[in-house]
Amino acid sequence: LESAGYLNIIKRTKFSKVVDASYLQTVGYQLTWDGHEFIETIRDPEIWRKTKDGATAVGGWTISLLAELGKGFLKAKAIDLGLPIA
């Protein structure tokens, strides 16, 4: 998820007395803008169900495919509600 741009991993340098070297330790995660958009896209249980069903029908998925499917279903719902989506 970090490589795809959905998360930033928060790291800090630690020093190990056992191996006499420093190393990076992951201490947390932070959602990126794209991560927040993805979560908001699939927040509705109906949209998430349709997104998962779509990925299953395709026979596989990537995080990018899930994001695009979710956006498509979200836009379709907005159009069904009569909202002005181009």
N, C-alpha and C. Protein backbone atom coordinates (compact mmCIF):
# COMPACT_ATOMS: atom_id res chain seq x y z
N LEU A 1 0.82 -1.20 0.00
CA LEU A 1 0.00 0.00 0.00
C LEU A 1 0.86 1.26 0.00
N GLU A 2 2.04 1.15 0.59
CA GLU A 2 2.94 2.31 0.56
C GLU A 2 3.41 2.58 -0.87
N SER A 3 3.80 1.54 -1.57
CA SER A 3 4.28 1.71 -2.95
C SER A 3 3.19 2.25 -3.87
N ALA A 4 1.94 1.88 -3.60
CA ALA A 4 0.82 2.35 -4.41
C ALA A 4 0.40 3.77 -4.06
N GLY A 5 0.95 4.32 -2.98
CA GLY A 5 0.65 5.70 -2.62
C GLY A 5 -0.55 5.86 -1.70
N TYR A 6 -0.98 4.78 -1.05
CA TYR A 6 -2.14 4.85 -0.16
C TYR A 6 -1.74 5.06 1.30
N LEU A 7 -0.51 4.70 1.65
CA LEU A 7 -0.02 4.84 3.02
C LEU A 7 1.38 5.43 3.03
N ASN A 8 1.66 6.20 4.06
CA ASN A 8 3.03 6.58 4.39
C ASN A 8 3.40 5.80 5.63
N ILE A 9 4.55 5.17 5.61
CA ILE A 9 5.00 4.44 6.78
C ILE A 9 5.90 5.37 7.59
N ILE A 10 5.59 5.51 8.85
CA ILE A 10 6.36 6.37 9.73
C ILE A 10 7.45 5.51 10.36
N LYS A 11 8.69 5.90 10.16
CA LYS A 11 9.82 5.10 10.65
C LYS A 11 10.73 5.97 11.51
N ARG A 12 11.45 5.34 12.37
CA ARG A 12 12.47 6.04 13.12
C ARG A 12 13.70 5.13 13.21
N THR A 13 14.84 5.75 13.34
CA THR A 13 16.08 4.99 13.43
C THR A 13 16.28 4.54 14.86
N LYS A 14 16.59 3.28 15.03
CA LYS A 14 16.90 2.71 16.33
C LYS A 14 18.32 2.15 16.27
N PHE A 15 18.95 2.09 17.38
CA PHE A 15 20.27 1.50 17.44
C PHE A 15 20.18 0.19 18.19
N SER A 16 20.73 -0.86 17.62
CA SER A 16 20.70 -2.17 18.24
C SER A 16 22.05 -2.47 18.87
N LYS A 17 22.06 -2.69 20.16
CA LYS A 17 23.31 -3.07 20.85
C LYS A 17 23.69 -4.50 20.53
N VAL A 18 22.70 -5.31 20.17
CA VAL A 18 22.96 -6.72 19.88
C VAL A 18 23.80 -6.88 18.62
N VAL A 19 23.43 -6.18 17.56
CA VAL A 19 24.17 -6.31 16.29
C VAL A 19 25.06 -5.11 16.02
N ASP A 20 25.12 -4.17 16.96
CA ASP A 20 25.98 -3.00 16.84
C ASP A 20 25.75 -2.24 15.53
N ALA A 21 24.49 -1.98 15.25
CA ALA A 21 24.14 -1.26 14.02
C ALA A 21 22.81 -0.55 14.23
N SER A 22 22.56 0.42 13.40
CA SER A 22 21.26 1.09 13.46
C SER A 22 20.34 0.48 12.40
N TYR A 23 19.06 0.59 12.61
CA TYR A 23 18.08 0.06 11.67
C TYR A 23 16.82 0.91 11.76
N LEU A 24 15.98 0.81 10.74
CA LEU A 24 14.72 1.54 10.73
C LEU A 24 13.63 0.68 11.35
N GLN A 25 12.86 1.29 12.21
CA GLN A 25 11.75 0.60 12.85
C GLN A 25 10.45 1.29 12.45
N THR A 26 9.48 0.51 11.98
CA THR A 26 8.18 1.08 11.66
C THR A 26 7.44 1.36 12.96
N VAL A 27 6.97 2.60 13.11
CA VAL A 27 6.26 2.96 14.33
C VAL A 27 4.81 3.35 14.08
N GLY A 28 4.41 3.42 12.83
CA GLY A 28 3.03 3.77 12.53
C GLY A 28 2.81 3.96 11.05
N TYR A 29 1.56 4.23 10.73
CA TYR A 29 1.15 4.45 9.35
C TYR A 29 0.30 5.70 9.28
N GLN A 30 0.33 6.35 8.13
CA GLN A 30 -0.47 7.54 7.91
C GLN A 30 -1.10 7.42 6.52
N LEU A 31 -2.42 7.57 6.45
CA LEU A 31 -3.09 7.53 5.16
C LEU A 31 -2.70 8.74 4.32
N THR A 32 -2.46 8.53 3.05
CA THR A 32 -2.21 9.62 2.12
C THR A 32 -3.55 10.14 1.62
N TRP A 33 -3.50 11.18 0.81
CA TRP A 33 -4.73 11.71 0.19
C TRP A 33 -5.42 10.60 -0.60
N ASP A 34 -4.66 9.85 -1.40
CA ASP A 34 -5.25 8.76 -2.18
C ASP A 34 -5.83 7.68 -1.28
N GLY A 35 -5.19 7.41 -0.15
CA GLY A 35 -5.71 6.44 0.80
C GLY A 35 -7.05 6.88 1.37
N HIS A 36 -7.15 8.17 1.72
CA HIS A 36 -8.41 8.70 2.22
C HIS A 36 -9.50 8.62 1.15
N GLU A 37 -9.15 8.96 -0.08
CA GLU A 37 -10.13 8.88 -1.17
C GLU A 37 -10.63 7.45 -1.37
N PHE A 38 -9.72 6.49 -1.31
CA PHE A 38 -10.13 5.09 -1.48
C PHE A 38 -11.09 4.67 -0.37
N ILE A 39 -10.76 4.99 0.86
CA ILE A 39 -11.62 4.64 1.99
C ILE A 39 -13.00 5.29 1.84
N GLU A 40 -13.02 6.56 1.45
CA GLU A 40 -14.31 7.24 1.28
C GLU A 40 -15.11 6.66 0.11
N THR A 41 -14.41 6.22 -0.92
CA THR A 41 -15.09 5.64 -2.08
C THR A 41 -15.83 4.37 -1.71
N ILE A 42 -15.24 3.54 -0.87
CA ILE A 42 -15.83 2.24 -0.56
C ILE A 42 -16.51 2.20 0.81
N ARG A 43 -16.69 3.35 1.45
CA ARG A 43 -17.28 3.40 2.79
C ARG A 43 -18.71 2.84 2.82
N ASP A 44 -19.48 3.13 1.79
CA ASP A 44 -20.86 2.63 1.72
C ASP A 44 -20.82 1.11 1.54
N PRO A 45 -21.50 0.36 2.42
CA PRO A 45 -21.46 -1.11 2.32
C PRO A 45 -21.92 -1.65 0.96
N GLU A 46 -22.89 -1.00 0.35
CA GLU A 46 -23.37 -1.44 -0.97
C GLU A 46 -22.29 -1.25 -2.04
N ILE A 47 -21.62 -0.12 -2.00
CA ILE A 47 -20.53 0.14 -2.96
C ILE A 47 -19.40 -0.86 -2.75
N TRP A 48 -19.03 -1.14 -1.49
CA TRP A 48 -17.95 -2.09 -1.20
C TRP A 48 -18.33 -3.49 -1.68
N ARG A 49 -19.58 -3.90 -1.45
CA ARG A 49 -20.04 -5.22 -1.90
C ARG A 49 -19.95 -5.32 -3.42
N LYS A 50 -20.43 -4.31 -4.12
CA LYS A 50 -20.37 -4.32 -5.59
C LYS A 50 -18.93 -4.32 -6.08
N THR A 51 -18.07 -3.59 -5.39
CA THR A 51 -16.65 -3.54 -5.77
C THR A 51 -16.02 -4.92 -5.62
N LYS A 52 -16.26 -5.58 -4.50
CA LYS A 52 -15.72 -6.93 -4.29
C LYS A 52 -16.30 -7.91 -5.30
N ASP A 53 -17.60 -7.82 -5.55
CA ASP A 53 -18.24 -8.72 -6.52
C ASP A 53 -17.66 -8.51 -7.92
N GLY A 54 -17.41 -7.26 -8.28
CA GLY A 54 -16.82 -6.95 -9.58
C GLY A 54 -15.42 -7.54 -9.71
N ALA A 55 -14.62 -7.41 -8.67
CA ALA A 55 -13.26 -7.97 -8.70
C ALA A 55 -13.32 -9.49 -8.78
N THR A 56 -14.27 -10.10 -8.08
CA THR A 56 -14.43 -11.56 -8.13
C THR A 56 -14.82 -12.00 -9.54
N ALA A 57 -15.71 -11.25 -10.17
CA ALA A 57 -16.15 -11.59 -11.52
C ALA A 57 -15.00 -11.53 -12.52
N VAL A 58 -14.10 -10.57 -12.30
CA VAL A 58 -12.94 -10.44 -13.18
C VAL A 58 -11.97 -11.59 -12.96
N GLY A 59 -11.96 -12.13 -11.77
CA GLY A 59 -11.08 -13.26 -11.47
C GLY A 59 -9.79 -12.86 -10.78
N GLY A 60 -9.68 -11.62 -10.38
CA GLY A 60 -8.49 -11.15 -9.68
C GLY A 60 -8.61 -9.67 -9.45
N TRP A 61 -7.66 -9.12 -8.71
CA TRP A 61 -7.75 -7.69 -8.43
C TRP A 61 -6.38 -7.12 -8.08
N THR A 62 -6.31 -5.84 -8.27
CA THR A 62 -5.20 -5.04 -7.78
C THR A 62 -5.84 -3.90 -6.99
N ILE A 63 -5.08 -3.22 -6.20
CA ILE A 63 -5.63 -2.10 -5.44
C ILE A 63 -6.13 -1.02 -6.40
N SER A 64 -5.45 -0.85 -7.52
CA SER A 64 -5.89 0.13 -8.52
C SER A 64 -7.23 -0.26 -9.13
N LEU A 65 -7.41 -1.55 -9.40
CA LEU A 65 -8.69 -2.01 -9.95
C LEU A 65 -9.81 -1.80 -8.93
N LEU A 66 -9.56 -2.14 -7.65
CA LEU A 66 -10.57 -1.91 -6.63
C LEU A 66 -10.95 -0.44 -6.55
N ALA A 67 -9.96 0.43 -6.61
CA ALA A 67 -10.24 1.88 -6.55
C ALA A 67 -11.08 2.32 -7.74
N GLU A 68 -10.74 1.87 -8.93
CA GLU A 68 -11.50 2.26 -10.12
C GLU A 68 -12.91 1.70 -10.11
N LEU A 69 -13.06 0.44 -9.71
CA LEU A 69 -14.39 -0.15 -9.61
C LEU A 69 -15.24 0.62 -8.60
N GLY A 70 -14.65 0.90 -7.45
CA GLY A 70 -15.38 1.64 -6.42
C GLY A 70 -15.82 3.00 -6.92
N LYS A 71 -14.93 3.71 -7.61
CA LYS A 71 -15.27 5.03 -8.15
C LYS A 71 -16.41 4.91 -9.16
N GLY A 72 -16.35 3.87 -10.00
CA GLY A 72 -17.40 3.68 -10.99
C GLY A 72 -18.75 3.43 -10.35
N PHE A 73 -18.79 2.58 -9.34
CA PHE A 73 -20.05 2.30 -8.65
C PHE A 73 -20.55 3.52 -7.88
N LEU A 74 -19.63 4.29 -7.31
CA LEU A 74 -20.02 5.50 -6.59
C LEU A 74 -20.62 6.54 -7.55
N LYS A 75 -19.98 6.70 -8.71
CA LYS A 75 -20.51 7.64 -9.72
C LYS A 75 -21.88 7.19 -10.22
N ALA A 76 -22.03 5.88 -10.44
CA ALA A 76 -23.32 5.36 -10.90
C ALA A 76 -24.41 5.63 -9.86
N LYS A 77 -24.07 5.49 -8.58
CA LYS A 77 -25.05 5.76 -7.53
C LYS A 77 -25.43 7.24 -7.53
N ALA A 78 -24.45 8.12 -7.71
CA ALA A 78 -24.72 9.55 -7.75
C ALA A 78 -25.64 9.89 -8.92
N ILE A 79 -25.40 9.29 -10.07
CA ILE A 79 -26.25 9.52 -11.25
C ILE A 79 -27.66 9.01 -10.99
N ASP A 80 -27.78 7.82 -10.37
CA ASP A 80 -29.09 7.27 -10.03
C ASP A 80 -29.86 8.20 -9.09
N LEU A 81 -29.13 8.92 -8.26
CA LEU A 81 -29.78 9.87 -7.33
C LEU A 81 -30.10 11.20 -8.00
N GLY A 82 -29.74 11.33 -9.28
CA GLY A 82 -30.03 12.55 -10.02
C GLY A 82 -29.03 13.65 -9.81
N LEU A 83 -27.85 13.30 -9.28
CA LEU A 83 -26.82 14.32 -9.06
C LEU A 83 -26.07 14.59 -10.35
N PRO A 84 -25.64 15.82 -10.56
CA PRO A 84 -25.00 16.22 -11.82
C PRO A 84 -23.54 15.77 -11.91
N ILE A 85 -23.33 14.52 -12.30
CA ILE A 85 -21.98 13.97 -12.47
C ILE A 85 -21.70 13.87 -13.96
N ALA A 86 -20.56 14.36 -14.35
CA ALA A 86 -20.19 14.31 -15.78
C ALA A 86 -19.45 13.05 -16.11
